[in-house]
Amino acid sequence: MTDPRIDIFELDELKEASHLDAFRKLLFERGAFYLREDDRIKKEHQKAMDAVMDLFENGTAEQKNALRNLTPNIRRGFSDLEAESTAKITKGGEYTDYSMVYSVGLSGNLYPSKAFEDIWTSYFDRFYEVSKDIAKSVLRAADADLDEDIDAFLECDPLLRFRYFPEVPEDRCAEQEPRRMASHYDLSIITAIQQTPCANGFVSLQCEVDGCYVDLPPLPGCMVVFCGAVAPLVTGGRIKAPRHQVAAPSISQRVGSGRTSSVFFLRPKPDFRFSVPLAKASGLDVDFTGDTATFGEWISGNYVNLRSASADARAAERA
């Protein structure tokens, strides 16, 4: 059952501003909504998911090693289970993200085959197109006063990350560690998510609404959209960038709790410059001392190899 405070919209409705008052209220108060998908992106998602899950489940160690990113300041290729930690980045704990990841962007991508590349390039291009349409509707609804044309602003530096959350072991169940991924807001203009359900019905994705976390279950034919931290920076602080997290199942819900999440981050170019006082006033965690900073400077703190010896040891024990 969905939370009644998280509305569902059609993209054509947003483009035509047919529910502008309701949409604007949602952006300012919650910053999260569902959006119905068209048939094309649903098909592209299915093909891309089939290809990457085959890699995750059947790829050899040699194939995966060839896809590991060796450049620390970008996200590309394959990341191992527990190789990343949102908790450490956000200073919310020491635990790792219980997921493995495949990432692509505009360039510098790593593919296991030409067939895989064709599938993922088509998927990325379609998701980028849809995400720009969503962001344009969001910014126009908020009367964004951009210094440059919105279309030019949205020709940016996108990132697509496919996460596979396997069933958690007992030491990562909610009784021991409540989250598979720590609470955070996204460093993006908007983030669009195509998620699959847990086989046992457990709902993992949660969003903060009115001071508490509510479930965002997968809805057939819908994606989840979060406004990212850049949205308040280009709208005078009007749009909310909601915190969200990935909850861990209890021990009784552990079996059948695997899920996937395909996440498109529509991010500005690295040279996008923002007001540091506005960021702080909007509740964003920035520690710059000057009046302005660039997005590239802000996001650089996320590109750290966080895999620790203890994570390696735990992964070895579970193998």
Protein backbone atom coordinates (compact mmCIF):
# COMPACT_ATOMS: atom_id res chain seq x y z
CA MET A 1 0.00 0.00 0.00
CA THR A 2 1.41 3.40 -1.01
CA ASP A 3 1.54 6.44 1.23
CA PRO A 4 -1.23 8.85 0.13
CA ARG A 5 1.22 11.76 0.41
CA ILE A 6 3.30 10.41 -2.51
CA ASP A 7 1.28 11.17 -5.64
CA ILE A 8 1.38 9.51 -9.07
CA PHE A 9 1.70 11.65 -12.21
CA GLU A 10 1.81 11.17 -15.96
CA LEU A 11 4.69 12.86 -17.79
CA ASP A 12 2.28 14.48 -20.25
CA GLU A 13 0.40 15.98 -17.29
CA LEU A 14 3.61 17.53 -16.01
CA LYS A 15 4.56 18.87 -19.43
CA GLU A 16 1.13 20.46 -19.84
CA ALA A 17 1.10 21.73 -16.22
CA SER A 18 -2.44 20.37 -15.88
CA HIS A 19 -2.02 19.76 -12.13
CA LEU A 20 0.42 22.56 -11.46
CA ASP A 21 -0.76 23.60 -7.99
CA ALA A 22 -0.75 20.03 -6.65
CA PHE A 23 2.61 19.30 -8.27
CA ARG A 24 4.19 22.49 -6.97
CA LYS A 25 2.93 21.77 -3.44
CA LEU A 26 4.41 18.28 -3.61
CA LEU A 27 7.78 19.60 -4.82
CA PHE A 28 7.98 22.19 -2.06
CA GLU A 29 6.81 19.91 0.78
CA ARG A 30 8.04 16.42 -0.13
CA GLY A 31 10.19 16.40 -3.27
CA ALA A 32 9.23 12.82 -4.20
CA PHE A 33 6.59 11.33 -6.48
CA TYR A 34 5.76 8.40 -8.74
CA LEU A 35 5.76 8.80 -12.51
CA ARG A 36 4.12 6.42 -14.97
CA GLU A 37 6.56 4.91 -17.46
CA ASP A 38 6.00 4.59 -21.17
CA ASP A 39 6.25 1.19 -22.86
CA ARG A 40 9.60 1.97 -24.47
CA ILE A 41 11.52 2.61 -21.27
CA LYS A 42 9.90 -0.40 -19.61
CA LYS A 43 11.19 -2.61 -22.44
CA GLU A 44 14.63 -0.96 -22.39
CA HIS A 45 14.83 -1.50 -18.62
CA GLN A 46 13.93 -5.18 -18.92
CA LYS A 47 16.60 -5.85 -21.53
CA ALA A 48 19.26 -3.94 -19.61
CA MET A 49 18.32 -5.69 -16.36
CA ASP A 50 18.47 -9.15 -17.97
CA ALA A 51 21.92 -8.39 -19.39
CA VAL A 52 23.46 -7.03 -16.19
CA MET A 53 21.91 -9.65 -13.91
CA ASP A 54 23.41 -12.33 -16.14
CA LEU A 55 26.77 -10.60 -15.63
CA PHE A 56 26.31 -10.40 -11.85
CA GLU A 57 25.18 -14.01 -11.47
CA ASN A 58 27.13 -15.82 -14.20
CA GLY A 59 30.08 -13.60 -15.08
CA THR A 60 33.53 -15.00 -14.36
CA ALA A 61 35.96 -13.35 -11.98
CA GLU A 62 38.06 -12.45 -15.01
CA GLN A 63 35.12 -10.73 -16.73
CA LYS A 64 34.24 -8.75 -13.60
CA ASN A 65 37.86 -7.77 -12.99
CA ALA A 66 38.00 -6.31 -16.50
CA LEU A 67 35.01 -4.10 -15.62
CA ARG A 68 36.43 -2.65 -12.41
CA ASN A 69 36.94 1.10 -12.57
CA LEU A 70 40.53 2.15 -11.89
CA THR A 71 39.82 5.90 -12.00
CA PRO A 72 38.78 7.05 -8.50
CA ASN A 73 36.93 10.24 -9.48
CA ILE A 74 34.20 8.65 -11.63
CA ARG A 75 31.68 5.84 -11.27
CA ARG A 76 31.97 3.34 -14.10
CA GLY A 77 31.77 -0.40 -14.56
CA PHE A 78 31.38 -3.04 -11.88
CA SER A 79 31.54 -2.57 -8.10
CA ASP A 80 31.62 -5.58 -5.77
CA LEU A 81 29.09 -6.41 -3.09
CA GLU A 82 29.84 -4.10 -0.12
CA ALA A 83 32.52 -2.18 -2.05
CA GLU A 84 30.78 1.13 -1.28
CA SER A 85 29.45 2.79 1.85
CA THR A 86 26.88 5.56 1.76
CA ALA A 87 27.02 5.53 5.57
CA LYS A 88 30.71 6.50 5.58
CA ILE A 89 30.21 9.20 2.94
CA THR A 90 27.33 10.76 4.89
CA LYS A 91 28.98 10.17 8.28
CA GLY A 92 26.01 8.02 9.22
CA GLY A 93 27.91 4.91 10.30
CA GLU A 94 30.54 2.41 9.27
CA TYR A 95 28.42 -0.21 7.51
CA THR A 96 28.65 -0.89 3.79
CA ASP A 97 25.96 -0.75 1.12
CA TYR A 98 24.67 -4.29 0.79
CA SER A 99 24.55 -4.21 -3.00
CA MET A 100 26.67 -4.72 -6.08
CA VAL A 101 26.59 -2.07 -8.80
CA TYR A 102 27.09 -1.51 -12.53
CA SER A 103 27.48 2.12 -13.67
CA VAL A 104 27.58 4.00 -16.98
CA GLY A 105 27.78 7.64 -18.03
CA LEU A 106 28.31 9.66 -21.19
CA SER A 107 31.86 8.41 -21.74
CA GLY A 108 34.59 6.21 -20.30
CA ASN A 109 32.28 3.23 -19.96
CA LEU A 110 33.32 -0.40 -19.47
CA TYR A 111 31.31 -3.11 -21.25
CA PRO A 112 31.73 -6.90 -21.25
CA SER A 113 30.63 -7.28 -24.90
CA LYS A 114 29.36 -5.38 -27.93
CA ALA A 115 25.86 -6.81 -27.47
CA PHE A 116 25.84 -5.62 -23.84
CA GLU A 117 27.07 -2.18 -24.94
CA ASP A 118 24.28 -1.84 -27.50
CA ILE A 119 21.60 -2.73 -24.95
CA TRP A 120 22.96 -0.42 -22.27
CA THR A 121 23.63 2.50 -24.62
CA SER A 122 20.04 2.39 -25.84
CA TYR A 123 18.74 2.17 -22.27
CA PHE A 124 20.96 5.02 -21.06
CA ASP A 125 19.94 7.30 -23.94
CA ARG A 126 16.23 6.72 -23.36
CA PHE A 127 16.52 7.19 -19.58
CA TYR A 128 18.49 10.41 -20.12
CA GLU A 129 15.79 11.73 -22.45
CA VAL A 130 13.01 10.92 -19.98
CA SER A 131 14.94 12.34 -17.01
CA LYS A 132 15.50 15.65 -18.82
CA ASP A 133 11.77 15.90 -19.51
CA ILE A 134 11.00 15.24 -15.85
CA ALA A 135 13.57 17.78 -14.65
CA LYS A 136 12.31 20.42 -17.06
CA SER A 137 8.79 20.03 -15.67
CA VAL A 138 10.09 20.16 -12.10
CA LEU A 139 12.12 23.33 -12.62
CA ARG A 140 9.41 25.11 -14.57
CA ALA A 141 6.80 24.22 -11.94
CA ALA A 142 9.04 25.81 -9.31
CA ASP A 143 9.59 28.93 -11.44
CA ALA A 144 13.31 28.24 -11.46
CA ASP A 145 15.31 31.40 -12.15
CA LEU A 146 18.24 29.83 -13.96
CA ASP A 147 21.01 32.03 -15.28
CA GLU A 148 21.07 29.93 -18.41
CA ASP A 149 18.49 28.25 -20.60
CA ILE A 150 16.92 25.19 -18.91
CA ASP A 151 17.55 23.00 -21.97
CA ALA A 152 21.24 23.91 -21.93
CA PHE A 153 21.45 23.34 -18.18
CA LEU A 154 20.01 19.83 -18.59
CA GLU A 155 22.64 18.84 -21.15
CA CYS A 156 24.73 17.78 -18.22
CA ASP A 157 26.74 14.95 -16.62
CA PRO A 158 24.28 12.08 -16.01
CA LEU A 159 25.05 8.80 -14.28
CA LEU A 160 23.09 5.53 -14.45
CA ARG A 161 23.70 2.99 -11.67
CA PHE A 162 22.06 -0.43 -11.55
CA ARG A 163 22.08 -1.89 -8.04
CA TYR A 164 21.41 -5.50 -7.14
CA PHE A 165 20.51 -6.02 -3.48
CA PRO A 166 20.83 -9.77 -2.79
CA GLU A 167 19.17 -11.43 0.15
CA VAL A 168 20.99 -10.21 3.25
CA PRO A 169 22.85 -12.55 5.62
CA GLU A 170 21.67 -12.74 9.21
CA ASP A 171 24.23 -10.20 10.43
CA ARG A 172 22.76 -7.62 8.02
CA CYS A 173 19.12 -8.16 8.99
CA ALA A 174 17.22 -5.31 10.61
CA GLU A 175 17.81 -6.69 14.11
CA GLN A 176 21.57 -6.16 13.62
CA GLU A 177 21.79 -3.39 11.02
CA PRO A 178 18.51 -1.67 10.02
CA ARG A 179 19.64 -0.49 6.57
CA ARG A 180 21.07 -1.91 3.39
CA MET A 181 21.94 1.67 2.42
CA ALA A 182 22.16 4.66 4.74
CA SER A 183 19.83 7.65 4.74
CA HIS A 184 20.92 10.31 2.23
CA TYR A 185 19.78 12.85 -0.31
CA ASP A 186 21.03 12.63 -3.87
CA LEU A 187 23.61 14.94 -5.44
CA SER A 188 21.53 15.44 -8.56
CA ILE A 189 18.92 17.70 -10.11
CA ILE A 190 16.45 14.82 -10.09
CA THR A 191 16.88 11.08 -9.61
CA ALA A 192 14.61 8.58 -11.36
CA ILE A 193 14.41 4.99 -10.08
CA GLN A 194 13.03 1.85 -11.70
CA GLN A 195 12.83 -0.76 -8.95
CA THR A 196 11.74 -4.39 -8.82
CA PRO A 197 9.85 -5.87 -5.85
CA CYS A 198 11.18 -8.29 -3.27
CA ALA A 199 9.71 -11.74 -3.92
CA ASN A 200 8.40 -11.95 -0.35
CA GLY A 201 6.66 -8.55 -0.50
CA PHE A 202 9.10 -6.71 1.76
CA VAL A 203 9.39 -3.00 0.85
CA SER A 204 12.96 -1.74 1.03
CA LEU A 205 12.97 1.79 -0.44
CA GLN A 206 11.87 4.44 2.04
CA CYS A 207 11.58 8.24 1.93
CA GLU A 208 11.37 10.78 4.74
CA VAL A 209 7.97 12.47 4.80
CA ASP A 210 6.89 14.80 7.62
CA GLY A 211 9.73 13.65 9.85
CA CYS A 212 9.34 9.88 9.47
CA TYR A 213 10.25 7.29 6.84
CA VAL A 214 7.48 5.87 4.67
CA ASP A 215 7.64 2.93 2.27
CA LEU A 216 7.88 3.51 -1.48
CA PRO A 217 6.86 0.12 -2.88
CA PRO A 218 7.38 -0.72 -6.55
CA LEU A 219 4.22 0.14 -8.47
CA PRO A 220 3.66 -1.67 -11.79
CA GLY A 221 4.49 0.65 -14.68
CA CYS A 222 5.83 3.44 -12.45
CA MET A 223 9.20 4.85 -11.46
CA VAL A 224 10.03 6.82 -8.32
CA VAL A 225 11.39 10.35 -8.72
CA PHE A 226 13.35 12.21 -6.04
CA CYS A 227 14.35 15.83 -6.32
CA GLY A 228 18.08 16.00 -5.69
CA ALA A 229 20.15 18.51 -3.75
CA VAL A 230 20.75 20.65 -6.84
CA ALA A 231 17.01 21.36 -7.21
CA PRO A 232 16.82 23.70 -4.18
CA LEU A 233 20.03 25.41 -5.33
CA VAL A 234 18.47 26.49 -8.63
CA THR A 235 15.03 27.34 -7.21
CA GLY A 236 15.98 29.65 -4.35
CA GLY A 237 15.54 26.83 -1.84
CA ARG A 238 11.90 26.22 -2.75
CA ILE A 239 12.16 22.57 -3.80
CA LYS A 240 12.75 19.94 -1.13
CA ALA A 241 15.52 17.34 -1.57
CA PRO A 242 14.17 14.43 0.50
CA ARG A 243 16.29 11.97 2.41
CA HIS A 244 15.73 8.34 1.53
CA GLN A 245 17.20 4.98 2.49
CA VAL A 246 17.12 1.27 1.73
CA ALA A 247 15.84 -0.69 4.72
CA ALA A 248 17.01 -4.16 5.69
CA PRO A 249 14.48 -6.96 6.23
CA SER A 250 14.02 -8.68 9.57
CA ILE A 251 15.32 -12.20 10.02
CA SER A 252 11.82 -13.56 9.37
CA GLN A 253 11.72 -11.60 6.06
CA ARG A 254 15.28 -12.37 4.96
CA VAL A 255 14.49 -15.13 2.46
CA GLY A 256 13.04 -13.60 -0.70
CA SER A 257 14.25 -10.07 0.10
CA GLY A 258 16.45 -9.59 -2.98
CA ARG A 259 15.59 -6.69 -5.28
CA THR A 260 17.05 -4.43 -7.98
CA SER A 261 17.08 -0.67 -8.41
CA SER A 262 18.05 1.11 -11.61
CA VAL A 263 18.88 4.71 -10.69
CA PHE A 264 19.40 7.59 -13.10
CA PHE A 265 21.09 10.63 -11.55
CA LEU A 266 20.58 13.74 -13.67
CA ARG A 267 23.59 15.72 -12.45
CA PRO A 268 24.78 19.18 -13.55
CA LYS A 269 28.15 19.66 -15.17
CA PRO A 270 31.11 19.77 -12.76
CA ASP A 271 31.57 23.52 -13.30
CA PHE A 272 28.03 24.34 -12.12
CA ARG A 273 28.53 26.94 -9.40
CA PHE A 274 26.13 27.32 -6.47
CA SER A 275 25.64 29.51 -3.40
CA VAL A 276 27.12 27.95 -0.28
CA PRO A 277 24.88 30.00 2.08
CA LEU A 278 21.79 28.86 0.13
CA ALA A 279 22.95 25.24 0.34
CA LYS A 280 23.35 25.52 4.11
CA ALA A 281 20.01 27.31 4.48
CA SER A 282 18.40 24.46 2.50
CA GLY A 283 19.69 21.95 5.04
CA LEU A 284 22.38 20.47 2.79
CA ASP A 285 25.58 19.13 4.29
CA VAL A 286 28.29 21.33 2.77
CA ASP A 287 31.45 22.41 4.55
CA PHE A 288 32.82 24.98 2.11
CA THR A 289 33.94 28.27 3.62
CA GLY A 290 33.59 30.52 0.57
CA ASP A 291 30.44 32.09 -0.84
CA THR A 292 30.29 29.71 -3.80
CA ALA A 293 31.53 26.27 -4.79
CA THR A 294 31.26 24.04 -7.86
CA PHE A 295 29.35 20.81 -8.17
CA GLY A 296 32.59 19.07 -9.10
CA GLU A 297 34.15 20.16 -5.81
CA TRP A 298 31.10 19.00 -3.88
CA ILE A 299 30.77 15.59 -5.43
CA SER A 300 34.48 14.77 -5.35
CA GLY A 301 34.10 13.58 -1.74
CA ASN A 302 31.91 10.70 -2.95
CA TYR A 303 34.64 9.14 -5.04
CA VAL A 304 36.60 7.20 -2.49
CA ASN A 305 37.38 3.50 -2.51
CA LEU A 306 35.64 2.52 0.70
CA ARG A 307 36.19 -1.21 0.63
CA SER A 308 37.87 -2.12 3.91
CA ALA A 309 39.74 -5.19 5.00
CA SER A 310 36.85 -6.10 7.30
CA ALA A 311 34.39 -5.94 4.39
CA ASP A 312 36.69 -8.18 2.37
CA ALA A 313 36.85 -10.63 5.27
CA ARG A 314 33.07 -10.71 5.67
CA ALA A 315 32.58 -11.25 1.95
CA ALA A 316 35.11 -14.12 2.01
CA GLU A 317 33.29 -15.75 4.93
CA ARG A 318 30.00 -15.63 3.02
CA ALA A 319 31.44 -17.01 -0.22
